[in-house]
Amino acid sequence: MPKTWLVTGCSGGLGRQIARSALAAGHRLVATSRRASSLNDLPAGVRVVELDVTDPAQCEAAVQAAVETFGGLDVVVNNAGYADVAAFEDMPPAVFQAQMDANFSGVVNMSRAALPVMRAQGGGHLIQVSSVGDRVAVPGLAGYQAAKHAVNGFSAVLALETAPLGIKVTVLEPGGMRTEWAGSSMTTLPLSEAYRQVIAPVEASLRAASGHQPGDPARIAQVLLDLVENPNPPTRLLLGSDAVEVAQQAAASLATADAKWRTVSESTDYR
């Protein structure tokens, strides 16, 4: 049965692929981008909305556009986001905050705007595009990864609150995908000498991997199409063999560290 989708960040990459796949499957689509002109090639019948997800009023307007055009809103894919590379000390506060705003506050704003509509209609599905990076730490990505950690914590709570209302929440945790994320859309800030030895290899690795990542956006989009039809979707979903491997290593490392310090951890109880 056709659903109404609202996808943020449709100008390219994963967002554009999700938009194309949803349309090909016969769904209705509200496609958004910071620049509406970047969506001019989408077919007739798509509702195009210019949207800056950091602006709550624009998020509400995008949701209202879906209701006015298609009569409701079934799926929101919070995909918009980006990363800048720099050591935290080298990153101006405004640059750090801008990543938090786009990657985390944007998810909050869109979720807040969509919830009243989904609650009134008795259901819906919020899909938050996070990253397997929320489970690990990568030097140079403090702003981006802080935001993704926040997305996961926020969404885990939201999933519990909305489940009795028929509203599902799924956080996607993809590994490397063949999009522009680590290519033209990523900015590397000037590196100070103190941090060059730590940050420069990370930046070089990200650039070298661009275009060779294992994740296929088309396959990921198909997973989403299947996911919204599933009556019991997961709250968190790893995507990509690299994401599975990274998550397993991170979990094992955390368990080892917890076990090593267990005696100290338990020593703080009242006796």
Protein backbone atom coordinates (compact mmCIF):
# COMPACT_ATOMS: atom_id res chain seq x y z
CA MET A 1 0.00 0.00 0.00
CA PRO A 2 1.48 3.40 -0.97
CA LYS A 3 2.78 5.53 1.89
CA THR A 4 3.69 9.19 2.15
CA TRP A 5 7.41 9.67 2.72
CA LEU A 6 9.26 12.82 3.74
CA VAL A 7 13.01 12.58 3.17
CA THR A 8 15.47 15.26 4.25
CA GLY A 9 18.74 15.92 2.46
CA CYS A 10 17.62 14.76 -1.00
CA SER A 11 20.09 16.79 -3.05
CA GLY A 12 22.44 13.82 -3.36
CA GLY A 13 23.88 10.73 -1.77
CA LEU A 14 21.73 8.44 0.32
CA GLY A 15 18.81 10.88 0.50
CA ARG A 16 18.51 11.07 -3.27
CA GLN A 17 18.67 7.29 -3.57
CA ILE A 18 15.97 6.82 -0.94
CA ALA A 19 13.78 9.33 -2.77
CA ARG A 20 14.22 7.53 -6.09
CA SER A 21 13.58 4.11 -4.59
CA ALA A 22 10.45 5.25 -2.74
CA LEU A 23 9.05 6.73 -5.94
CA ALA A 24 9.91 3.62 -7.95
CA ALA A 25 8.02 1.55 -5.39
CA GLY A 26 4.91 3.67 -5.90
CA HIS A 27 5.06 5.75 -2.75
CA ARG A 28 4.21 9.45 -2.43
CA LEU A 29 7.14 11.74 -1.69
CA VAL A 30 7.97 15.05 -0.09
CA ALA A 31 11.59 15.68 -1.04
CA THR A 32 13.53 18.34 0.82
CA SER A 33 16.82 20.12 0.45
CA ARG A 34 18.39 23.37 1.62
CA ARG A 35 18.24 24.39 -2.06
CA ALA A 36 15.00 23.43 -3.78
CA SER A 37 16.63 24.00 -7.17
CA SER A 38 18.80 20.91 -6.58
CA LEU A 39 15.63 18.80 -6.83
CA ASN A 40 14.39 20.13 -10.18
CA ASP A 41 15.09 16.82 -11.90
CA LEU A 42 12.63 14.88 -9.74
CA PRO A 43 9.47 13.78 -11.57
CA ALA A 44 6.13 15.55 -11.50
CA GLY A 45 3.99 14.65 -8.53
CA VAL A 46 6.81 14.97 -6.02
CA ARG A 47 6.26 17.74 -3.51
CA VAL A 48 9.55 19.64 -3.31
CA VAL A 49 10.16 21.69 -0.18
CA GLU A 50 13.12 23.93 0.58
CA LEU A 51 14.14 23.00 4.10
CA ASP A 52 16.83 23.92 6.58
CA VAL A 53 16.34 21.29 9.29
CA THR A 54 17.92 23.57 11.89
CA ASP A 55 14.85 25.84 11.61
CA PRO A 56 11.90 24.39 13.58
CA ALA A 57 9.38 26.54 11.68
CA GLN A 58 10.60 25.20 8.34
CA CYS A 59 10.34 21.64 9.66
CA GLU A 60 6.73 22.26 10.66
CA ALA A 61 6.04 23.74 7.23
CA ALA A 62 7.52 20.67 5.51
CA VAL A 63 5.27 18.36 7.52
CA GLN A 64 2.28 20.56 6.76
CA ALA A 65 3.14 20.39 3.07
CA ALA A 66 2.93 16.60 3.26
CA VAL A 67 -0.46 16.75 4.97
CA GLU A 68 -1.83 19.33 2.55
CA THR A 69 -0.56 17.54 -0.55
CA PHE A 70 -1.07 13.89 0.34
CA GLY A 71 -3.39 13.88 3.35
CA GLY A 72 -0.97 12.53 5.91
CA LEU A 73 2.59 11.47 6.68
CA ASP A 74 3.68 7.87 7.15
CA VAL A 75 7.49 7.85 7.00
CA VAL A 76 10.07 10.51 7.86
CA VAL A 77 13.69 9.80 6.95
CA ASN A 78 15.97 12.15 8.86
CA ASN A 79 18.93 11.93 6.54
CA ALA A 80 20.31 15.49 6.31
CA GLY A 81 23.77 15.94 7.80
CA TYR A 82 27.48 16.41 7.18
CA ALA A 83 30.90 16.26 8.84
CA ASP A 84 33.89 18.56 9.06
CA VAL A 85 37.33 17.24 9.99
CA ALA A 86 39.47 18.98 12.58
CA ALA A 87 40.95 18.43 16.01
CA PHE A 88 38.48 19.64 18.60
CA GLU A 89 40.84 22.35 19.81
CA ASP A 90 41.27 23.59 16.23
CA MET A 91 37.53 23.61 15.54
CA PRO A 92 35.89 27.01 16.07
CA PRO A 93 32.87 26.80 18.38
CA ALA A 94 30.55 27.91 15.58
CA VAL A 95 31.76 25.06 13.34
CA PHE A 96 31.25 22.49 16.09
CA GLN A 97 27.79 23.87 16.90
CA ALA A 98 26.75 23.91 13.24
CA GLN A 99 27.40 20.16 13.03
CA MET A 100 25.41 19.56 16.20
CA ASP A 101 22.58 21.65 14.79
CA ALA A 102 22.45 19.91 11.40
CA ASN A 103 23.08 16.33 12.55
CA PHE A 104 21.24 16.30 15.87
CA SER A 105 18.95 19.31 16.28
CA GLY A 106 17.64 18.71 12.76
CA VAL A 107 16.52 15.21 13.79
CA VAL A 108 14.89 16.61 16.91
CA ASN A 109 13.13 19.38 14.97
CA MET A 110 11.75 17.05 12.31
CA SER A 111 10.67 14.45 14.86
CA ARG A 112 8.89 17.11 16.91
CA ALA A 113 7.11 18.42 13.82
CA ALA A 114 6.01 14.97 12.63
CA LEU A 115 4.84 13.47 15.92
CA PRO A 116 1.49 15.31 16.25
CA VAL A 117 0.45 14.20 12.76
CA MET A 118 1.54 10.59 13.28
CA ARG A 119 -0.09 10.47 16.72
CA ALA A 120 -3.37 11.81 15.35
CA GLN A 121 -3.45 9.25 12.53
CA GLY A 122 -2.47 6.40 14.86
CA GLY A 123 0.91 5.49 13.45
CA GLY A 124 4.00 6.34 11.48
CA HIS A 125 7.70 5.56 11.25
CA LEU A 126 10.64 7.85 12.06
CA ILE A 127 13.89 6.67 10.49
CA GLN A 128 16.95 8.45 11.88
CA VAL A 129 20.11 8.13 9.82
CA SER A 130 22.96 7.90 12.30
CA SER A 131 26.28 6.07 11.82
CA VAL A 132 28.23 3.16 13.20
CA GLY A 133 30.48 6.01 14.30
CA ASP A 134 28.12 6.46 17.23
CA ARG A 135 29.70 3.28 18.68
CA VAL A 136 33.34 4.26 18.23
CA ALA A 137 35.59 7.32 18.33
CA VAL A 138 37.46 8.70 15.33
CA PRO A 139 39.94 11.57 15.81
CA GLY A 140 38.90 14.66 13.88
CA LEU A 141 35.16 13.96 13.95
CA ALA A 142 34.22 15.29 17.40
CA GLY A 143 31.34 17.46 16.18
CA TYR A 144 29.86 14.83 13.88
CA GLN A 145 30.19 11.92 16.28
CA ALA A 146 28.90 13.90 19.26
CA ALA A 147 25.79 14.60 17.22
CA LYS A 148 25.35 10.97 16.19
CA HIS A 149 25.72 9.77 19.78
CA ALA A 150 23.01 12.28 20.70
CA VAL A 151 20.74 11.03 17.89
CA ASN A 152 20.96 7.50 19.25
CA GLY A 153 20.27 8.47 22.85
CA PHE A 154 17.36 10.70 21.88
CA SER A 155 15.85 8.14 19.53
CA ALA A 156 16.09 5.29 22.04
CA VAL A 157 13.99 7.28 24.50
CA LEU A 158 11.60 8.43 21.77
CA ALA A 159 11.04 4.84 20.64
CA LEU A 160 9.88 3.87 24.13
CA GLU A 161 7.58 6.87 24.44
CA THR A 162 5.90 6.46 21.06
CA ALA A 163 5.57 2.67 20.80
CA PRO A 164 2.18 2.63 22.60
CA LEU A 165 0.95 5.21 20.06
CA GLY A 166 1.78 3.01 17.06
CA ILE A 167 4.74 5.20 16.06
CA LYS A 168 7.95 3.31 15.29
CA VAL A 169 11.48 4.70 15.54
CA THR A 170 14.49 3.13 13.85
CA VAL A 171 18.07 4.40 13.99
CA LEU A 172 20.19 3.38 11.01
CA GLU A 173 23.89 2.83 11.72
CA PRO A 174 25.58 2.51 8.34
CA GLY A 175 29.25 1.99 7.76
CA GLY A 176 30.98 3.47 4.75
CA MET A 177 28.64 4.25 1.85
CA ARG A 178 29.50 5.31 -1.69
CA THR A 179 28.19 8.84 -1.39
CA GLU A 180 29.82 12.27 -1.36
CA TRP A 181 30.03 12.28 2.46
CA ALA A 182 33.80 11.81 2.60
CA GLY A 183 34.42 13.47 -0.76
CA SER A 184 33.23 16.86 -1.91
CA SER A 185 30.83 17.38 1.00
CA MET A 186 33.48 17.05 3.72
CA THR A 187 35.58 20.05 4.74
CA THR A 188 38.95 19.69 6.43
CA LEU A 189 39.84 22.66 8.58
CA PRO A 190 43.45 23.88 8.92
CA LEU A 191 45.46 21.51 11.12
CA SER A 192 47.66 22.90 13.85
CA GLU A 193 51.07 21.29 14.19
CA ALA A 194 50.22 19.83 17.59
CA TYR A 195 47.44 17.65 16.15
CA ARG A 196 48.71 17.04 12.62
CA GLN A 197 50.15 13.60 13.41
CA VAL A 198 46.76 12.46 14.75
CA ILE A 199 44.31 14.08 12.34
CA ALA A 200 46.16 14.03 9.00
CA PRO A 201 46.18 10.20 8.67
CA VAL A 202 42.44 10.05 9.45
CA GLU A 203 41.64 12.70 6.86
CA ALA A 204 43.81 10.94 4.27
CA SER A 205 42.13 7.60 5.00
CA LEU A 206 38.65 9.08 4.63
CA ARG A 207 39.55 10.71 1.32
CA ALA A 208 41.23 7.56 0.00
CA ALA A 209 38.19 5.45 0.85
CA SER A 210 35.79 7.80 -0.95
CA GLY A 211 34.26 5.98 -3.89
CA HIS A 212 35.43 2.59 -2.61
CA GLN A 213 33.20 2.15 0.43
CA PRO A 214 31.35 -1.17 0.65
CA GLY A 215 27.90 0.29 1.35
CA ASP A 216 25.53 0.44 -1.64
CA PRO A 217 22.97 3.28 -1.24
CA ALA A 218 20.49 1.46 -3.49
CA ARG A 219 20.58 -1.65 -1.31
CA ILE A 220 20.22 0.50 1.80
CA ALA A 221 17.19 2.22 0.28
CA GLN A 222 15.62 -1.18 -0.40
CA VAL A 223 16.17 -2.14 3.23
CA LEU A 224 14.20 0.97 4.22
CA LEU A 225 11.36 0.07 1.87
CA ASP A 226 11.16 -3.35 3.50
CA LEU A 227 11.59 -1.93 6.99
CA VAL A 228 8.53 0.32 6.86
CA GLU A 229 6.40 -2.71 5.98
CA ASN A 230 7.68 -4.69 8.94
CA PRO A 231 5.33 -4.64 11.94
CA ASN A 232 8.27 -5.08 14.33
CA PRO A 233 11.25 -3.11 12.99
CA PRO A 234 14.42 -2.81 15.07
CA THR A 235 15.19 0.31 17.08
CA ARG A 236 18.82 0.15 15.87
CA LEU A 237 20.02 -1.39 12.62
CA LEU A 238 23.60 -1.77 11.46
CA LEU A 239 24.07 -1.48 7.70
CA GLY A 240 27.13 -2.87 5.98
CA SER A 241 29.62 -5.63 6.74
CA ASP A 242 32.11 -3.01 7.93
CA ALA A 243 29.53 -1.61 10.35
CA VAL A 244 28.91 -5.09 11.77
CA GLU A 245 32.64 -5.67 12.27
CA VAL A 246 33.23 -2.27 13.87
CA ALA A 247 30.25 -2.71 16.20
CA GLN A 248 31.44 -6.16 17.30
CA GLN A 249 34.94 -4.86 18.03
CA ALA A 250 33.56 -1.88 19.93
CA ALA A 251 31.27 -4.07 22.04
CA ALA A 252 34.10 -6.48 22.88
CA SER A 253 36.43 -3.62 23.81
CA LEU A 254 33.82 -2.04 26.06
CA ALA A 255 33.04 -5.36 27.76
CA THR A 256 36.75 -5.93 28.40
CA ALA A 257 37.20 -2.46 29.88
CA ASP A 258 34.10 -2.84 32.07
CA ALA A 259 35.36 -6.20 33.36
CA LYS A 260 38.85 -4.83 34.08
CA TRP A 261 37.46 -2.00 36.21
CA ARG A 262 34.51 -3.88 37.73
CA THR A 263 35.98 -3.98 41.23
CA VAL A 264 36.49 -0.21 41.21
CA SER A 265 33.01 0.33 39.75
CA GLU A 266 31.36 -1.72 42.49
CA SER A 267 33.46 -0.19 45.26
CA THR A 268 31.39 3.01 45.27
CA ASP A 269 28.25 1.39 46.76
CA TYR A 270 27.18 2.06 50.35
CA ARG A 271 28.29 -0.63 52.77
